[in-house]
C-alpha atoms as a PDB file:
ATOM      1  CA  MET A   1      15.962  -3.045  11.946  1.00  0.00           C
ATOM      2  CA  ARG A   2      18.764  -3.080  14.514  1.00  0.00           C
ATOM      3  CA  ILE A   3      18.358  -0.564  17.308  1.00  0.00           C
ATOM      4  CA  PRO A   4      21.640   0.355  19.008  1.00  0.00           C
ATOM      5  CA  ARG A   5      21.973   0.524  22.775  1.00  0.00           C
ATOM      6  CA  ASP A   6      23.779   3.474  24.292  1.00  0.00           C
ATOM      7  CA  ALA A   7      25.308   2.494  27.629  1.00  0.00           C
ATOM      8  CA  ARG A   8      25.189   6.107  28.857  1.00  0.00           C
ATOM      9  CA  LEU A   9      21.435   6.317  28.377  1.00  0.00           C
ATOM     10  CA  GLY A  10      20.470   2.835  29.492  1.00  0.00           C
ATOM     11  CA  PRO A  11      17.874   0.604  27.847  1.00  0.00           C
ATOM     12  CA  SER A  12      14.871   2.581  29.134  1.00  0.00           C
ATOM     13  CA  ALA A  13      16.031   5.888  27.695  1.00  0.00           C
ATOM     14  CA  VAL A  14      16.860   4.256  24.380  1.00  0.00           C
ATOM     15  CA  LEU A  15      13.440   2.591  24.256  1.00  0.00           C
ATOM     16  CA  TYR A  16      11.705   5.903  24.953  1.00  0.00           C
ATOM     17  CA  ALA A  17      13.799   7.611  22.277  1.00  0.00           C
ATOM     18  CA  TRP A  18      12.838   4.999  19.660  1.00  0.00           C
ATOM     19  CA  ILE A  19       9.174   5.224  20.629  1.00  0.00           C
ATOM     20  CA  ALA A  20       9.393   9.018  20.226  1.00  0.00           C
ATOM     21  CA  VAL A  21      10.971   8.657  16.779  1.00  0.00           C
ATOM     22  CA  GLY A  22       8.278   6.181  15.735  1.00  0.00           C
ATOM     23  CA  SER A  23       5.548   8.477  17.071  1.00  0.00           C
ATOM     24  CA  GLY A  24       6.921  11.365  15.048  1.00  0.00           C
ATOM     25  CA  ILE A  25       7.025   9.326  11.860  1.00  0.00           C
ATOM     26  CA  GLY A  26       3.516   7.995  12.512  1.00  0.00           C
ATOM     27  CA  GLY A  27       2.121  11.465  13.206  1.00  0.00           C
ATOM     28  CA  VAL A  28       3.570  12.889   9.995  1.00  0.00           C
ATOM     29  CA  ALA A  29       2.239   9.885   8.052  1.00  0.00           C
ATOM     30  CA  ARG A  30      -1.238  10.411   9.561  1.00  0.00           C
ATOM     31  CA  PHE A  31      -1.225  14.098   8.591  1.00  0.00           C
ATOM     32  CA  TRP A  32      -0.022  13.319   5.056  1.00  0.00           C
ATOM     33  CA  CYS A  33      -2.590  10.543   4.549  1.00  0.00           C
ATOM     34  CA  ALA A  34      -5.458  12.707   5.836  1.00  0.00           C
ATOM     35  CA  GLU A  35      -4.411  15.640   3.631  1.00  0.00           C
ATOM     36  CA  ILE A  36      -4.061  13.539   0.479  1.00  0.00           C
ATOM     37  CA  SER A  37      -7.394  11.812   1.119  1.00  0.00           C
ATOM     38  CA  ALA A  38      -9.164  15.147   1.658  1.00  0.00           C
ATOM     39  CA  ARG A  39      -7.785  16.429  -1.662  1.00  0.00           C
ATOM     40  CA  LEU A  40      -8.726  13.288  -3.567  1.00  0.00           C
ATOM     41  CA  LEU A  41     -12.050  12.424  -1.924  1.00  0.00           C
ATOM     42  CA  GLY A  42     -13.248  15.756  -0.576  1.00  0.00           C
ATOM     43  CA  GLU A  43     -13.821  16.994   2.936  1.00  0.00           C
ATOM     44  CA  GLY A  44     -17.480  16.046   3.361  1.00  0.00           C
ATOM     45  CA  PHE A  45     -16.558  12.874   5.265  1.00  0.00           C
ATOM     46  CA  PRO A  46     -13.331  12.154   7.215  1.00  0.00           C
ATOM     47  CA  TRP A  47     -12.123   9.529   4.733  1.00  0.00           C
ATOM     48  CA  GLY A  48      -8.482  10.188   5.561  1.00  0.00           C
ATOM     49  CA  ILE A  49      -8.852   9.434   9.254  1.00  0.00           C
ATOM     50  CA  LEU A  50     -10.985   6.383   8.501  1.00  0.00           C
ATOM     51  CA  LEU A  51      -8.274   5.161   6.121  1.00  0.00           C
ATOM     52  CA  VAL A  52      -5.594   5.869   8.734  1.00  0.00           C
ATOM     53  CA  ASN A  53      -7.517   3.959  11.414  1.00  0.00           C
ATOM     54  CA  VAL A  54      -8.130   0.966   9.134  1.00  0.00           C
ATOM     55  CA  ALA A  55      -4.548   0.874   7.807  1.00  0.00           C
ATOM     56  CA  GLY A  56      -3.095   1.309  11.303  1.00  0.00           C
ATOM     57  CA  SER A  57      -5.257  -1.520  12.601  1.00  0.00           C
ATOM     58  CA  LEU A  58      -4.093  -3.760   9.743  1.00  0.00           C
ATOM     59  CA  LEU A  59      -0.446  -2.865  10.385  1.00  0.00           C
ATOM     60  CA  ILE A  60      -0.518  -3.422  14.148  1.00  0.00           C
ATOM     61  CA  GLY A  61      -2.411  -6.709  13.812  1.00  0.00           C
ATOM     62  CA  PHE A  62      -0.014  -7.967  11.147  1.00  0.00           C
ATOM     63  CA  PHE A  63       3.141  -6.902  12.985  1.00  0.00           C
ATOM     64  CA  PHE A  64       1.897  -8.134  16.372  1.00  0.00           C
ATOM     65  CA  THR A  65       1.296 -11.609  14.967  1.00  0.00           C
ATOM     66  CA  CYS A  66       4.375 -11.792  12.731  1.00  0.00           C
ATOM     67  CA  SER A  67       6.712 -10.642  15.516  1.00  0.00           C
ATOM     68  CA  GLY A  68       5.072 -12.618  18.329  1.00  0.00           C
ATOM     69  CA  PRO A  69       6.393 -15.829  19.888  1.00  0.00           C
ATOM     70  CA  ASN A  70       5.042 -17.973  17.023  1.00  0.00           C
ATOM     71  CA  GLY A  71       5.705 -15.417  14.290  1.00  0.00           C
ATOM     72  CA  ARG A  72       8.093 -15.545  11.365  1.00  0.00           C
ATOM     73  CA  LEU A  73       9.716 -12.204  12.197  1.00  0.00           C
ATOM     74  CA  ALA A  74      12.320 -12.275  14.964  1.00  0.00           C
ATOM     75  CA  VAL A  75      12.644  -8.739  16.314  1.00  0.00           C
ATOM     76  CA  SER A  76      13.701  -7.276  19.632  1.00  0.00           C
ATOM     77  CA  THR A  77      11.265  -5.978  22.214  1.00  0.00           C
ATOM     78  CA  THR A  78      12.520  -2.485  21.439  1.00  0.00           C
ATOM     79  CA  THR A  79      11.729  -2.908  17.751  1.00  0.00           C
ATOM     80  CA  ARG A  80       8.241  -4.176  18.599  1.00  0.00           C
ATOM     81  CA  GLN A  81       7.668  -1.121  20.775  1.00  0.00           C
ATOM     82  CA  PHE A  82       9.078   1.179  18.064  1.00  0.00           C
ATOM     83  CA  VAL A  83       6.583  -0.188  15.526  1.00  0.00           C
ATOM     84  CA  MET A  84       3.538  -0.892  17.695  1.00  0.00           C
ATOM     85  CA  THR A  85       3.673   1.876  20.315  1.00  0.00           C
ATOM     86  CA  GLY A  86       5.645   4.485  18.398  1.00  0.00           C
ATOM     87  CA  LEU A  87       4.833   4.180  14.696  1.00  0.00           C
ATOM     88  CA  CYS A  88       1.304   2.778  15.003  1.00  0.00           C
ATOM     89  CA  GLY A  89       0.547   4.881  18.075  1.00  0.00           C
ATOM     90  CA  GLY A  90       1.659   8.057  16.333  1.00  0.00           C
ATOM     91  CA  TYR A  91      -0.236   7.060  13.210  1.00  0.00           C
ATOM     92  CA  THR A  92      -3.429   6.118  15.065  1.00  0.00           C
ATOM     93  CA  THR A  93      -4.304   5.174  18.607  1.00  0.00           C
ATOM     94  CA  PHE A  94      -7.283   3.360  17.130  1.00  0.00           C
ATOM     95  CA  SER A  95      -4.893   0.587  16.133  1.00  0.00           C
ATOM     96  CA  ALA A  96      -3.931  -0.017  19.775  1.00  0.00           C
ATOM     97  CA  PHE A  97      -7.601   0.070  20.782  1.00  0.00           C
ATOM     98  CA  SER A  98      -8.399  -2.464  18.065  1.00  0.00           C
ATOM     99  CA  LEU A  99      -5.561  -4.775  19.123  1.00  0.00           C
ATOM    100  CA  ASP A 100      -6.591  -4.607  22.796  1.00  0.00           C
ATOM    101  CA  THR A 101     -10.165  -5.481  21.818  1.00  0.00           C
ATOM    102  CA  LEU A 102      -9.017  -8.362  19.603  1.00  0.00           C
ATOM    103  CA  ASN A 103      -6.857  -9.758  22.408  1.00  0.00           C
ATOM    104  CA  LEU A 104      -9.802  -9.622  24.823  1.00  0.00           C
ATOM    105  CA  MET A 105     -11.906 -11.545  22.285  1.00  0.00           C
ATOM    106  CA  ARG A 106      -9.134 -14.088  21.674  1.00  0.00           C
ATOM    107  CA  ASP A 107      -8.902 -14.623  25.437  1.00  0.00           C
ATOM    108  CA  GLY A 108     -12.631 -15.414  25.478  1.00  0.00           C
ATOM    109  CA  ARG A 109     -13.444 -12.208  27.347  1.00  0.00           C
ATOM    110  CA  LEU A 110     -16.278 -11.188  25.035  1.00  0.00           C
ATOM    111  CA  PHE A 111     -18.057  -9.014  27.602  1.00  0.00           C
ATOM    112  CA  ALA A 112     -14.835  -7.098  28.300  1.00  0.00           C
ATOM    113  CA  ALA A 113     -14.221  -6.687  24.547  1.00  0.00           C
ATOM    114  CA  GLY A 114     -17.754  -5.379  24.014  1.00  0.00           C
ATOM    115  CA  ALA A 115     -17.452  -3.095  27.030  1.00  0.00           C
ATOM    116  CA  ASN A 116     -14.167  -1.742  25.657  1.00  0.00           C
ATOM    117  CA  VAL A 117     -15.847  -0.899  22.337  1.00  0.00           C
ATOM    118  CA  VAL A 118     -18.981   0.650  23.851  1.00  0.00           C
ATOM    119  CA  LEU A 119     -17.188   2.524  26.643  1.00  0.00           C
ATOM    120  CA  SER A 120     -14.450   3.820  24.329  1.00  0.00           C
ATOM    121  CA  LEU A 121     -16.942   5.132  21.801  1.00  0.00           C
ATOM    122  CA  ALA A 122     -19.400   6.569  24.324  1.00  0.00           C
ATOM    123  CA  LEU A 123     -16.833   8.080  26.684  1.00  0.00           C
ATOM    124  CA  CYS A 124     -14.659   9.521  23.931  1.00  0.00           C
ATOM    125  CA  LEU A 125     -17.672  11.150  22.268  1.00  0.00           C
ATOM    126  CA  LEU A 126     -18.857  12.466  25.642  1.00  0.00           C
ATOM    127  CA  PHE A 127     -15.456  13.863  26.553  1.00  0.00           C
ATOM    128  CA  VAL A 128     -14.793  15.415  23.154  1.00  0.00           C
ATOM    129  CA  TRP A 129     -18.146  17.179  23.587  1.00  0.00           C
ATOM    130  CA  LEU A 130     -17.239  18.241  27.142  1.00  0.00           C
ATOM    131  CA  GLY A 131     -13.905  19.572  25.899  1.00  0.00           C
ATOM    132  CA  HIS A 132     -15.735  21.500  23.207  1.00  0.00           C
ATOM    133  CA  VAL A 133     -18.203  22.959  25.736  1.00  0.00           C
ATOM    134  CA  LEU A 134     -15.391  23.949  28.103  1.00  0.00           C
ATOM    135  CA  ALA A 135     -13.397  25.613  25.326  1.00  0.00           C
ATOM    136  CA  ALA A 136     -16.487  27.383  23.949  1.00  0.00           C
ATOM    137  CA  THR A 137     -17.219  28.710  27.445  1.00  0.00           C
ATOM    138  CA  LEU A 138     -13.655  29.957  27.863  1.00  0.00           C
ATOM    139  CA  ASN A 139     -13.712  31.536  24.397  1.00  0.00           C
ATOM    140  CA  ARG A 140     -16.753  33.703  25.134  1.00  0.00           C
ATOM    141  CA  PRO A 141     -15.890  37.371  25.353  1.00  0.00           C
ATOM    142  CA  ALA A 142     -15.829  38.772  28.864  1.00  0.00           C
ATOM    143  CA  ARG A 143     -18.826  40.947  29.737  1.00  0.00           C
ATOM    144  CA  GLY A 144     -17.979  44.356  30.801  1.00  0.00           C
END
């Protein structure tokens, strides 16, 4: 994919625009995949989001390696950001988390990789609960 540069916008604005386009496509794909999975497999377990997270992790790992310095796919930095930050990020942030963890492991930073997994899971669960509690508190009818 060739991404044009617009001299009036500059490379940064163009990069942000392509990331936004990729994020939009990824978000729509995530919604579609989750909806189709819920219809086919039921809503008793979040199969769609699990599928999205697994597929996004596969895609970002594959593209990262294929488009890296030793990869077979020669793409621009902008194209890498479009796919990895935009498309994969809009599809699932779990893919970026997975890639960061893999890179820590590849660098021999096993403690940091494990800490990333444990902290991400624990803190995200804690903060989703805190967000829920805050919203539930705000949603209570006013006494009066």
